[in-house]
Amino acid sequence: MNSKNKMLLLISFLLSLMMVKHYFRTRRANELKLSDWFLPRSRQDVITITDWLAPILWEGTFNRQALEKYYQKQNLTVGLAVLVVGKLSGNYLEPFLQSASRFFMPGHRVIFYVISDTYPHVPRLERSPLHSFQVLLMGEERWWRDPDLMCMKSLGDHLAVHIHKEVDFLFSMTPNLFFEAEFGVETLGSSVALIHAWWYFRDTKNVPYERKSQSTAYIPFGQGDFFYGSSIVGGTPYNVLDLVDEYLKGFFQDTGNGINSTYEKYLNKYFFRNKPAKLLSPEYSWDPRFKLPTQVRFVKISYYPRVEF
């Protein structure tokens, strides 16, 4: 190769390198900083930021307009998987979907995934060009006794096969929730956990972590951050799949050793090891049977205890 061609290749390489550097500088510059939208000092009555500097969302702590301005440019698709087994289909699915179609990520493309052990009755909903629905049946796991295990195994299978290609963010929810207000882009994050409403207001020494030291879900006394609820988890498809995989590995390892635990305890162990990037306050899952404490100013989602399966 002569010197002229070498020089042309070098110039081409340097130009490409400059373009790549410019792309990443621009990308970093355009990334939304926490200070651009999060207002932790606006709520002095609650914990608004964790020890690892993750925001905790309460009414008044976020600027939704700034977030919308940023996310509208991203051309996002957000998935909402609702996991339905047994009586939950008839008792809760219709109000869940009706309220979610109104309040979940308004103004953005949403794919609703109804993952069920039987063909559920999907109610007639107001049509939106931004909404699409997929009804996904569970596989052989639908014969398993543990409903949480059934749901997580099926969610993981569908995530690995196709959901990860279809959405930028995914939330997994139980159907015994009812959206009372907008569940918007403020909730988006790489890993999103829900603080359990009951245990947030209780002595942390008594939280029901797994205390059997032989279990993979074990958290020793004196350790742990918050107690997380299992009715909502979210994040990127990769991170949600990682949570599901870790839960399944832990469950089957414990079962093989004759140890029983619960999905919620495995979930808490996962978030103890893998700190969530964003936390939802008790406003995002409040049981309406209980009187509202002064800290809960605006309920976004009501939580109704599940009936027997």
C-alpha atoms as a PDB file:
ATOM      1  CA  MET A   1       0.000   0.000   0.000  1.00  0.00           C
ATOM      2  CA  ASN A   2       1.522   3.365  -1.000  1.00  0.00           C
ATOM      3  CA  SER A   3       1.896   6.297   1.343  1.00  0.00           C
ATOM      4  CA  LYS A   4      -0.977   8.197  -0.269  1.00  0.00           C
ATOM      5  CA  ASN A   5      -3.461   5.394   0.409  1.00  0.00           C
ATOM      6  CA  LYS A   6      -2.138   5.017   3.931  1.00  0.00           C
ATOM      7  CA  MET A   7      -2.697   8.723   4.503  1.00  0.00           C
ATOM      8  CA  LEU A   8      -6.250   8.527   3.162  1.00  0.00           C
ATOM      9  CA  LEU A   9      -7.009   5.560   5.423  1.00  0.00           C
ATOM     10  CA  LEU A  10      -5.548   7.420   8.398  1.00  0.00           C
ATOM     11  CA  ILE A  11      -7.625  10.509   7.652  1.00  0.00           C
ATOM     12  CA  SER A  12     -10.739   8.375   7.218  1.00  0.00           C
ATOM     13  CA  PHE A  13     -10.066   6.620  10.519  1.00  0.00           C
ATOM     14  CA  LEU A  14      -9.497   9.912  12.350  1.00  0.00           C
ATOM     15  CA  LEU A  15     -12.704  11.375  10.928  1.00  0.00           C
ATOM     16  CA  SER A  16     -14.637   8.275  12.019  1.00  0.00           C
ATOM     17  CA  LEU A  17     -13.078   8.497  15.473  1.00  0.00           C
ATOM     18  CA  MET A  18     -14.042  12.164  15.730  1.00  0.00           C
ATOM     19  CA  MET A  19     -17.631  11.330  14.744  1.00  0.00           C
ATOM     20  CA  VAL A  20     -17.820   8.539  17.343  1.00  0.00           C
ATOM     21  CA  LYS A  21     -16.447  10.819  20.053  1.00  0.00           C
ATOM     22  CA  HIS A  22     -18.894  13.545  19.032  1.00  0.00           C
ATOM     23  CA  TYR A  23     -21.764  11.051  19.156  1.00  0.00           C
ATOM     24  CA  PHE A  24     -20.937   9.967  22.676  1.00  0.00           C
ATOM     25  CA  ARG A  25     -20.304  13.528  23.862  1.00  0.00           C
ATOM     26  CA  THR A  26     -23.642  14.580  22.411  1.00  0.00           C
ATOM     27  CA  ARG A  27     -25.340  11.549  23.897  1.00  0.00           C
ATOM     28  CA  ARG A  28     -23.911  12.268  27.347  1.00  0.00           C
ATOM     29  CA  ALA A  29     -24.790  15.935  27.020  1.00  0.00           C
ATOM     30  CA  ASN A  30     -28.347  15.038  26.110  1.00  0.00           C
ATOM     31  CA  GLU A  31     -28.820  12.564  28.938  1.00  0.00           C
ATOM     32  CA  LEU A  32     -31.192  13.824  31.575  1.00  0.00           C
ATOM     33  CA  LYS A  33     -29.469  14.519  34.864  1.00  0.00           C
ATOM     34  CA  LEU A  34     -31.209  13.804  38.147  1.00  0.00           C
ATOM     35  CA  SER A  35     -31.024  17.494  39.028  1.00  0.00           C
ATOM     36  CA  ASP A  36     -32.926  18.336  35.827  1.00  0.00           C
ATOM     37  CA  TRP A  37     -36.134  16.739  37.071  1.00  0.00           C
ATOM     38  CA  PHE A  38     -35.838  15.539  40.665  1.00  0.00           C
ATOM     39  CA  LEU A  39     -36.699  17.855  43.590  1.00  0.00           C
ATOM     40  CA  PRO A  40     -35.762  15.969  46.770  1.00  0.00           C
ATOM     41  CA  ARG A  41     -35.832  19.003  49.052  1.00  0.00           C
ATOM     42  CA  SER A  42     -39.467  19.691  48.212  1.00  0.00           C
ATOM     43  CA  ARG A  43     -40.514  16.932  50.626  1.00  0.00           C
ATOM     44  CA  GLN A  44     -38.936  17.228  54.069  1.00  0.00           C
ATOM     45  CA  ASP A  45     -41.431  14.817  55.656  1.00  0.00           C
ATOM     46  CA  VAL A  46     -40.257  11.654  53.858  1.00  0.00           C
ATOM     47  CA  ILE A  47     -37.121   9.913  52.642  1.00  0.00           C
ATOM     48  CA  THR A  48     -36.558  11.124  49.094  1.00  0.00           C
ATOM     49  CA  ILE A  49     -33.160   9.674  48.265  1.00  0.00           C
ATOM     50  CA  THR A  50     -31.435   6.443  49.241  1.00  0.00           C
ATOM     51  CA  ASP A  51     -27.977   5.870  50.665  1.00  0.00           C
ATOM     52  CA  TRP A  52     -26.869   4.879  47.140  1.00  0.00           C
ATOM     53  CA  LEU A  53     -28.355   8.140  45.743  1.00  0.00           C
ATOM     54  CA  ALA A  54     -31.371   6.640  43.987  1.00  0.00           C
ATOM     55  CA  PRO A  55     -34.500   8.839  43.907  1.00  0.00           C
ATOM     56  CA  ILE A  56     -37.660   7.827  45.781  1.00  0.00           C
ATOM     57  CA  LEU A  57     -40.721   9.133  43.988  1.00  0.00           C
ATOM     58  CA  TRP A  58     -43.283  11.013  46.059  1.00  0.00           C
ATOM     59  CA  GLU A  59     -45.835  13.566  44.946  1.00  0.00           C
ATOM     60  CA  GLY A  60     -44.039  16.881  44.528  1.00  0.00           C
ATOM     61  CA  THR A  61     -40.546  15.450  44.010  1.00  0.00           C
ATOM     62  CA  PHE A  62     -40.456  15.320  40.218  1.00  0.00           C
ATOM     63  CA  ASN A  63     -40.879  17.656  37.267  1.00  0.00           C
ATOM     64  CA  ARG A  64     -42.915  15.640  34.780  1.00  0.00           C
ATOM     65  CA  GLN A  65     -42.699  18.349  32.105  1.00  0.00           C
ATOM     66  CA  ALA A  66     -38.907  18.103  32.007  1.00  0.00           C
ATOM     67  CA  LEU A  67     -39.132  14.324  31.812  1.00  0.00           C
ATOM     68  CA  GLU A  68     -41.724  14.402  29.034  1.00  0.00           C
ATOM     69  CA  LYS A  69     -39.608  16.822  27.009  1.00  0.00           C
ATOM     70  CA  TYR A  70     -36.719  14.370  27.243  1.00  0.00           C
ATOM     71  CA  TYR A  71     -38.579  11.104  26.698  1.00  0.00           C
ATOM     72  CA  GLN A  72     -40.726  12.317  23.799  1.00  0.00           C
ATOM     73  CA  LYS A  73     -37.509  12.566  21.792  1.00  0.00           C
ATOM     74  CA  GLN A  74     -36.594   8.963  22.591  1.00  0.00           C
ATOM     75  CA  ASN A  75     -39.504   7.431  20.656  1.00  0.00           C
ATOM     76  CA  LEU A  76     -40.034   4.892  23.414  1.00  0.00           C
ATOM     77  CA  THR A  77     -42.149   1.794  23.685  1.00  0.00           C
ATOM     78  CA  VAL A  78     -43.027   0.724  27.224  1.00  0.00           C
ATOM     79  CA  GLY A  79     -44.344  -2.716  28.095  1.00  0.00           C
ATOM     80  CA  LEU A  80     -46.776  -3.557  30.878  1.00  0.00           C
ATOM     81  CA  ALA A  81     -47.028  -7.249  31.726  1.00  0.00           C
ATOM     82  CA  VAL A  82     -49.935  -8.249  33.941  1.00  0.00           C
ATOM     83  CA  LEU A  83     -49.627 -11.740  35.383  1.00  0.00           C
ATOM     84  CA  VAL A  84     -52.940 -13.527  35.851  1.00  0.00           C
ATOM     85  CA  VAL A  85     -53.691 -16.916  37.384  1.00  0.00           C
ATOM     86  CA  GLY A  86     -56.856 -18.495  38.747  1.00  0.00           C
ATOM     87  CA  LYS A  87     -59.558 -16.186  40.075  1.00  0.00           C
ATOM     88  CA  LEU A  88     -57.466 -13.088  39.476  1.00  0.00           C
ATOM     89  CA  SER A  89     -58.644 -13.045  35.867  1.00  0.00           C
ATOM     90  CA  GLY A  90     -62.319 -12.630  36.664  1.00  0.00           C
ATOM     91  CA  ASN A  91     -61.970 -10.510  39.785  1.00  0.00           C
ATOM     92  CA  TYR A  92     -59.335  -7.975  38.832  1.00  0.00           C
ATOM     93  CA  LEU A  93     -58.237  -8.014  35.202  1.00  0.00           C
ATOM     94  CA  GLU A  94     -60.982  -5.823  33.744  1.00  0.00           C
ATOM     95  CA  PRO A  95     -60.622  -2.859  36.172  1.00  0.00           C
ATOM     96  CA  PHE A  96     -56.844  -3.189  35.985  1.00  0.00           C
ATOM     97  CA  LEU A  97     -56.768  -2.916  32.196  1.00  0.00           C
ATOM     98  CA  GLN A  98     -59.406  -0.206  32.060  1.00  0.00           C
ATOM     99  CA  SER A  99     -57.523   1.982  34.510  1.00  0.00           C
ATOM    100  CA  ALA A 100     -54.107   1.164  33.020  1.00  0.00           C
ATOM    101  CA  SER A 101     -55.232   2.049  29.496  1.00  0.00           C
ATOM    102  CA  ARG A 102     -56.151   5.473  30.828  1.00  0.00           C
ATOM    103  CA  PHE A 103     -53.276   6.266  33.196  1.00  0.00           C
ATOM    104  CA  PHE A 104     -50.245   4.133  32.248  1.00  0.00           C
ATOM    105  CA  MET A 105     -47.690   6.130  30.223  1.00  0.00           C
ATOM    106  CA  PRO A 106     -50.157   8.434  28.464  1.00  0.00           C
ATOM    107  CA  GLY A 107     -48.791   9.857  25.209  1.00  0.00           C
ATOM    108  CA  HIS A 108     -46.332   6.980  24.697  1.00  0.00           C
ATOM    109  CA  ARG A 109     -46.501   3.674  22.870  1.00  0.00           C
ATOM    110  CA  VAL A 110     -47.507   0.885  25.214  1.00  0.00           C
ATOM    111  CA  ILE A 111     -47.715  -2.862  24.684  1.00  0.00           C
ATOM    112  CA  PHE A 112     -49.959  -4.586  27.228  1.00  0.00           C
ATOM    113  CA  TYR A 113     -48.976  -8.212  27.814  1.00  0.00           C
ATOM    114  CA  VAL A 114     -51.662 -10.308  29.509  1.00  0.00           C
ATOM    115  CA  ILE A 115     -49.857 -13.450  30.677  1.00  0.00           C
ATOM    116  CA  SER A 116     -52.365 -16.007  31.921  1.00  0.00           C
ATOM    117  CA  ASP A 117     -52.825 -19.690  32.730  1.00  0.00           C
ATOM    118  CA  THR A 118     -56.076 -19.727  30.722  1.00  0.00           C
ATOM    119  CA  TYR A 119     -57.556 -17.589  27.965  1.00  0.00           C
ATOM    120  CA  PRO A 120     -58.767 -14.550  29.930  1.00  0.00           C
ATOM    121  CA  HIS A 121     -61.680 -12.321  29.107  1.00  0.00           C
ATOM    122  CA  VAL A 122     -60.094  -9.109  27.867  1.00  0.00           C
ATOM    123  CA  PRO A 123     -62.574  -6.241  28.251  1.00  0.00           C
ATOM    124  CA  ARG A 124     -63.467  -3.829  25.478  1.00  0.00           C
ATOM    125  CA  LEU A 125     -61.274  -0.798  25.941  1.00  0.00           C
ATOM    126  CA  GLU A 126     -61.200   2.633  24.358  1.00  0.00           C
ATOM    127  CA  ARG A 127     -59.053   2.295  21.254  1.00  0.00           C
ATOM    128  CA  SER A 128     -55.767   4.152  21.055  1.00  0.00           C
ATOM    129  CA  PRO A 129     -53.258   4.088  18.187  1.00  0.00           C
ATOM    130  CA  LEU A 130     -50.534   4.034  20.837  1.00  0.00           C
ATOM    131  CA  HIS A 131     -51.794   0.848  22.504  1.00  0.00           C
ATOM    132  CA  SER A 132     -51.478  -2.777  21.483  1.00  0.00           C
ATOM    133  CA  PHE A 133     -52.350  -5.958  23.367  1.00  0.00           C
ATOM    134  CA  GLN A 134     -50.898  -9.449  23.443  1.00  0.00           C
ATOM    135  CA  VAL A 135     -52.501 -12.352  25.288  1.00  0.00           C
ATOM    136  CA  LEU A 136     -49.802 -14.874  26.162  1.00  0.00           C
ATOM    137  CA  LEU A 137     -50.549 -18.299  27.605  1.00  0.00           C
ATOM    138  CA  MET A 138     -48.317 -19.931  30.163  1.00  0.00           C
ATOM    139  CA  GLY A 139     -46.643 -23.180  29.210  1.00  0.00           C
ATOM    140  CA  GLU A 140     -46.373 -26.329  31.299  1.00  0.00           C
ATOM    141  CA  GLU A 141     -45.729 -24.186  34.377  1.00  0.00           C
ATOM    142  CA  ARG A 142     -49.461 -23.449  34.520  1.00  0.00           C
ATOM    143  CA  TRP A 143     -49.806 -26.793  36.322  1.00  0.00           C
ATOM    144  CA  TRP A 144     -47.441 -25.771  39.097  1.00  0.00           C
ATOM    145  CA  ARG A 145     -48.898 -25.023  42.515  1.00  0.00           C
ATOM    146  CA  ASP A 146     -47.004 -21.822  43.304  1.00  0.00           C
ATOM    147  CA  PRO A 147     -48.707 -18.938  41.424  1.00  0.00           C
ATOM    148  CA  ASP A 148     -45.710 -16.587  41.757  1.00  0.00           C
ATOM    149  CA  LEU A 149     -43.416 -19.260  40.351  1.00  0.00           C
ATOM    150  CA  MET A 150     -45.831 -19.839  37.474  1.00  0.00           C
ATOM    151  CA  CYS A 151     -45.949 -16.155  36.654  1.00  0.00           C
ATOM    152  CA  MET A 152     -42.216 -15.473  36.886  1.00  0.00           C
ATOM    153  CA  LYS A 153     -41.259 -18.535  34.849  1.00  0.00           C
ATOM    154  CA  SER A 154     -43.671 -17.546  32.085  1.00  0.00           C
ATOM    155  CA  LEU A 155     -42.610 -13.888  32.177  1.00  0.00           C
ATOM    156  CA  GLY A 156     -38.972 -14.918  31.877  1.00  0.00           C
ATOM    157  CA  ASP A 157     -39.705 -17.181  28.908  1.00  0.00           C
ATOM    158  CA  HIS A 158     -41.588 -14.482  27.001  1.00  0.00           C
ATOM    159  CA  LEU A 159     -38.975 -11.867  27.888  1.00  0.00           C
ATOM    160  CA  ALA A 160     -36.171 -14.004  26.522  1.00  0.00           C
ATOM    161  CA  VAL A 161     -38.013 -14.948  23.322  1.00  0.00           C
ATOM    162  CA  HIS A 162     -39.622 -11.709  22.155  1.00  0.00           C
ATOM    163  CA  ILE A 163     -40.490  -9.036  24.726  1.00  0.00           C
ATOM    164  CA  HIS A 164     -36.889  -7.824  24.993  1.00  0.00           C
ATOM    165  CA  LYS A 165     -36.991  -6.967  21.279  1.00  0.00           C
ATOM    166  CA  GLU A 166     -40.276  -5.067  21.495  1.00  0.00           C
ATOM    167  CA  VAL A 167     -39.940  -2.593  24.367  1.00  0.00           C
ATOM    168  CA  ASP A 168     -37.399  -0.183  25.867  1.00  0.00           C
ATOM    169  CA  PHE A 169     -38.759  -0.498  29.404  1.00  0.00           C
ATOM    170  CA  LEU A 170     -40.984  -3.095  31.019  1.00  0.00           C
ATOM    171  CA  PHE A 171     -43.155  -3.136  34.123  1.00  0.00           C
ATOM    172  CA  SER A 172     -44.522  -6.334  35.595  1.00  0.00           C
ATOM    173  CA  MET A 173     -47.598  -5.972  37.793  1.00  0.00           C
ATOM    174  CA  THR A 174     -50.179  -8.079  39.543  1.00  0.00           C
ATOM    175  CA  PRO A 175     -53.779  -7.474  38.417  1.00  0.00           C
ATOM    176  CA  ASN A 176     -55.105  -6.550  41.871  1.00  0.00           C
ATOM    177  CA  LEU A 177     -54.044  -2.945  41.275  1.00  0.00           C
ATOM    178  CA  PHE A 178     -56.175  -0.037  40.155  1.00  0.00           C
ATOM    179  CA  PHE A 179     -54.633   3.086  38.626  1.00  0.00           C
ATOM    180  CA  GLU A 180     -56.009   6.217  40.271  1.00  0.00           C
ATOM    181  CA  ALA A 181     -53.762   8.761  38.545  1.00  0.00           C
ATOM    182  CA  GLU A 182     -51.037   9.051  35.940  1.00  0.00           C
ATOM    183  CA  PHE A 183     -48.239   6.507  36.113  1.00  0.00           C
ATOM    184  CA  GLY A 184     -45.905   8.338  33.805  1.00  0.00           C
ATOM    185  CA  VAL A 185     -42.335   8.679  32.601  1.00  0.00           C
ATOM    186  CA  GLU A 186     -41.121   9.689  36.065  1.00  0.00           C
ATOM    187  CA  THR A 187     -41.222   5.969  36.907  1.00  0.00           C
ATOM    188  CA  LEU A 188     -38.892   4.899  34.080  1.00  0.00           C
ATOM    189  CA  GLY A 189     -35.458   3.650  35.078  1.00  0.00           C
ATOM    190  CA  SER A 190     -32.976   0.870  34.488  1.00  0.00           C
ATOM    191  CA  SER A 191     -34.230  -0.926  37.619  1.00  0.00           C
ATOM    192  CA  VAL A 192     -37.384   0.093  39.490  1.00  0.00           C
ATOM    193  CA  ALA A 193     -38.557  -1.244  42.852  1.00  0.00           C
ATOM    194  CA  LEU A 194     -41.681  -0.574  44.899  1.00  0.00           C
ATOM    195  CA  ILE A 195     -41.351   0.199  48.612  1.00  0.00           C
ATOM    196  CA  HIS A 196     -43.875  -1.897  50.517  1.00  0.00           C
ATOM    197  CA  ALA A 197     -46.490   0.544  51.836  1.00  0.00           C
ATOM    198  CA  TRP A 198     -47.116  -1.257  55.113  1.00  0.00           C
ATOM    199  CA  TRP A 199     -43.490  -1.825  56.073  1.00  0.00           C
ATOM    200  CA  TYR A 200     -42.331   1.674  55.167  1.00  0.00           C
ATOM    201  CA  PHE A 201     -44.173   2.961  58.229  1.00  0.00           C
ATOM    202  CA  ARG A 202     -43.046   0.154  60.545  1.00  0.00           C
ATOM    203  CA  ASP A 203     -39.935  -0.589  62.573  1.00  0.00           C
ATOM    204  CA  THR A 204     -37.304  -1.837  60.141  1.00  0.00           C
ATOM    205  CA  LYS A 205     -36.091  -4.362  62.732  1.00  0.00           C
ATOM    206  CA  ASN A 206     -39.232  -6.405  62.151  1.00  0.00           C
ATOM    207  CA  VAL A 207     -39.355  -6.507  58.343  1.00  0.00           C
ATOM    208  CA  PRO A 208     -40.106 -10.029  57.057  1.00  0.00           C
ATOM    209  CA  TYR A 209     -36.865 -10.769  55.216  1.00  0.00           C
ATOM    210  CA  GLU A 210     -35.885 -14.392  54.836  1.00  0.00           C
ATOM    211  CA  ARG A 211     -34.111 -15.295  58.095  1.00  0.00           C
ATOM    212  CA  LYS A 212     -33.239 -18.925  57.364  1.00  0.00           C
ATOM    213  CA  SER A 213     -29.484 -18.743  56.826  1.00  0.00           C
ATOM    214  CA  GLN A 214     -29.553 -21.801  54.540  1.00  0.00           C
ATOM    215  CA  SER A 215     -31.812 -20.035  52.014  1.00  0.00           C
ATOM    216  CA  THR A 216     -30.470 -18.143  49.011  1.00  0.00           C
ATOM    217  CA  ALA A 217     -32.936 -15.378  49.960  1.00  0.00           C
ATOM    218  CA  TYR A 218     -31.328 -14.944  53.404  1.00  0.00           C
ATOM    219  CA  ILE A 219     -30.716 -11.412  54.697  1.00  0.00           C
ATOM    220  CA  PRO A 220     -29.110 -11.258  58.171  1.00  0.00           C
ATOM    221  CA  PHE A 221     -30.607  -9.234  61.009  1.00  0.00           C
ATOM    222  CA  GLY A 222     -29.356  -5.677  60.967  1.00  0.00           C
ATOM    223  CA  GLN A 223     -28.962  -5.622  57.190  1.00  0.00           C
ATOM    224  CA  GLY A 224     -31.299  -4.572  54.387  1.00  0.00           C
ATOM    225  CA  ASP A 225     -32.456  -1.255  53.020  1.00  0.00           C
ATOM    226  CA  PHE A 226     -36.232  -1.220  52.518  1.00  0.00           C
ATOM    227  CA  PHE A 227     -38.797  -3.983  52.301  1.00  0.00           C
ATOM    228  CA  TYR A 228     -39.922  -4.099  48.691  1.00  0.00           C
ATOM    229  CA  GLY A 229     -43.394  -5.094  47.514  1.00  0.00           C
ATOM    230  CA  SER A 230     -43.863  -7.663  44.777  1.00  0.00           C
ATOM    231  CA  SER A 231     -46.879  -6.131  43.041  1.00  0.00           C
ATOM    232  CA  ILE A 232     -44.733  -3.869  40.810  1.00  0.00           C
ATOM    233  CA  VAL A 233     -41.239  -4.267  39.398  1.00  0.00           C
ATOM    234  CA  GLY A 234     -39.775  -2.536  36.391  1.00  0.00           C
ATOM    235  CA  GLY A 235     -36.732  -1.548  34.401  1.00  0.00           C
ATOM    236  CA  THR A 236     -35.040  -2.402  31.162  1.00  0.00           C
ATOM    237  CA  PRO A 237     -35.960  -5.812  29.747  1.00  0.00           C
ATOM    238  CA  TYR A 238     -32.442  -7.047  30.528  1.00  0.00           C
ATOM    239  CA  ASN A 239     -32.681  -6.096  34.203  1.00  0.00           C
ATOM    240  CA  VAL A 240     -36.175  -7.513  34.654  1.00  0.00           C
ATOM    241  CA  LEU A 241     -35.009 -10.758  33.055  1.00  0.00           C
ATOM    242  CA  ASP A 242     -31.990 -10.817  35.367  1.00  0.00           C
ATOM    243  CA  LEU A 243     -34.301 -10.491  38.377  1.00  0.00           C
ATOM    244  CA  VAL A 244     -36.468 -13.355  37.116  1.00  0.00           C
ATOM    245  CA  ASP A 245     -33.431 -15.555  36.442  1.00  0.00           C
ATOM    246  CA  GLU A 246     -31.967 -14.944  39.903  1.00  0.00           C
ATOM    247  CA  TYR A 247     -35.315 -15.693  41.537  1.00  0.00           C
ATOM    248  CA  LEU A 248     -35.739 -18.960  39.633  1.00  0.00           C
ATOM    249  CA  LYS A 249     -32.184 -20.081  40.381  1.00  0.00           C
ATOM    250  CA  GLY A 250     -32.613 -19.313  44.064  1.00  0.00           C
ATOM    251  CA  PHE A 251     -36.016 -20.971  44.259  1.00  0.00           C
ATOM    252  CA  PHE A 252     -34.926 -24.225  42.635  1.00  0.00           C
ATOM    253  CA  GLN A 253     -31.709 -24.356  44.629  1.00  0.00           C
ATOM    254  CA  ASP A 254     -33.627 -23.929  47.872  1.00  0.00           C
ATOM    255  CA  THR A 255     -36.300 -26.427  46.839  1.00  0.00           C
ATOM    256  CA  GLY A 256     -33.597 -28.963  46.091  1.00  0.00           C
ATOM    257  CA  ASN A 257     -32.294 -28.461  49.617  1.00  0.00           C
ATOM    258  CA  GLY A 258     -35.741 -28.754  51.200  1.00  0.00           C
ATOM    259  CA  ILE A 259     -36.048 -25.018  51.938  1.00  0.00           C
ATOM    260  CA  ASN A 260     -39.220 -23.024  51.315  1.00  0.00           C
ATOM    261  CA  SER A 261     -39.365 -19.280  50.855  1.00  0.00           C
ATOM    262  CA  THR A 262     -41.525 -16.759  48.984  1.00  0.00           C
ATOM    263  CA  TYR A 263     -41.114 -14.745  45.796  1.00  0.00           C
ATOM    264  CA  GLU A 264     -41.240 -11.504  47.777  1.00  0.00           C
ATOM    265  CA  LYS A 265     -38.295 -12.601  49.927  1.00  0.00           C
ATOM    266  CA  TYR A 266     -36.240 -13.560  46.880  1.00  0.00           C
ATOM    267  CA  LEU A 267     -37.160 -10.196  45.371  1.00  0.00           C
ATOM    268  CA  ASN A 268     -35.885  -8.413  48.466  1.00  0.00           C
ATOM    269  CA  LYS A 269     -32.629 -10.367  48.377  1.00  0.00           C
ATOM    270  CA  TYR A 270     -32.181  -9.422  44.720  1.00  0.00           C
ATOM    271  CA  PHE A 271     -32.627  -5.703  45.386  1.00  0.00           C
ATOM    272  CA  PHE A 272     -30.410  -5.957  48.470  1.00  0.00           C
ATOM    273  CA  ARG A 273     -27.615  -7.187  46.210  1.00  0.00           C
ATOM    274  CA  ASN A 274     -28.580  -5.157  43.127  1.00  0.00           C
ATOM    275  CA  LYS A 275     -29.664  -1.728  44.310  1.00  0.00           C
ATOM    276  CA  PRO A 276     -32.587  -0.359  42.282  1.00  0.00           C
ATOM    277  CA  ALA A 277     -31.967   2.805  40.296  1.00  0.00           C
ATOM    278  CA  LYS A 278     -35.373   4.242  41.183  1.00  0.00           C
ATOM    279  CA  LEU A 279     -37.848   3.532  43.993  1.00  0.00           C
ATOM    280  CA  LEU A 280     -41.603   4.024  44.030  1.00  0.00           C
ATOM    281  CA  SER A 281     -43.033   5.318  47.295  1.00  0.00           C
ATOM    282  CA  PRO A 282     -46.117   3.861  49.045  1.00  0.00           C
ATOM    283  CA  GLU A 283     -48.200   6.274  46.930  1.00  0.00           C
ATOM    284  CA  TYR A 284     -47.811   3.747  44.097  1.00  0.00           C
ATOM    285  CA  SER A 285     -49.492   0.855  45.901  1.00  0.00           C
ATOM    286  CA  TRP A 286     -51.762   1.912  48.749  1.00  0.00           C
ATOM    287  CA  ASP A 287     -54.359  -0.364  50.339  1.00  0.00           C
ATOM    288  CA  PRO A 288     -57.557   1.759  50.487  1.00  0.00           C
ATOM    289  CA  ARG A 289     -58.738  -0.096  53.596  1.00  0.00           C
ATOM    290  CA  PHE A 290     -56.211   1.867  55.630  1.00  0.00           C
ATOM    291  CA  LYS A 291     -56.333   5.509  56.591  1.00  0.00           C
ATOM    292  CA  LEU A 292     -53.921   7.651  54.655  1.00  0.00           C
ATOM    293  CA  PRO A 293     -50.951   8.905  56.667  1.00  0.00           C
ATOM    294  CA  THR A 294     -50.047  12.553  56.157  1.00  0.00           C
ATOM    295  CA  GLN A 295     -46.984  11.533  54.142  1.00  0.00           C
ATOM    296  CA  VAL A 296     -49.124   9.944  51.419  1.00  0.00           C
ATOM    297  CA  ARG A 297     -50.539  13.018  49.709  1.00  0.00           C
ATOM    298  CA  PHE A 298     -51.704  11.526  46.428  1.00  0.00           C
ATOM    299  CA  VAL A 299     -52.398   7.847  45.738  1.00  0.00           C
ATOM    300  CA  LYS A 300     -51.323   6.846  42.244  1.00  0.00           C
ATOM    301  CA  ILE A 301     -52.352   3.177  42.476  1.00  0.00           C
ATOM    302  CA  SER A 302     -54.698   1.382  44.857  1.00  0.00           C
ATOM    303  CA  TYR A 303     -53.751  -2.110  45.961  1.00  0.00           C
ATOM    304  CA  TYR A 304     -56.454  -4.669  46.748  1.00  0.00           C
ATOM    305  CA  PRO A 305     -55.368  -7.792  48.662  1.00  0.00           C
ATOM    306  CA  ARG A 306     -55.644 -10.904  46.541  1.00  0.00           C
ATOM    307  CA  VAL A 307     -58.335 -13.488  47.123  1.00  0.00           C
ATOM    308  CA  GLU A 308     -57.498 -17.163  47.265  1.00  0.00           C
ATOM    309  CA  PHE A 309     -56.439 -18.705  43.966  1.00  0.00           C
END
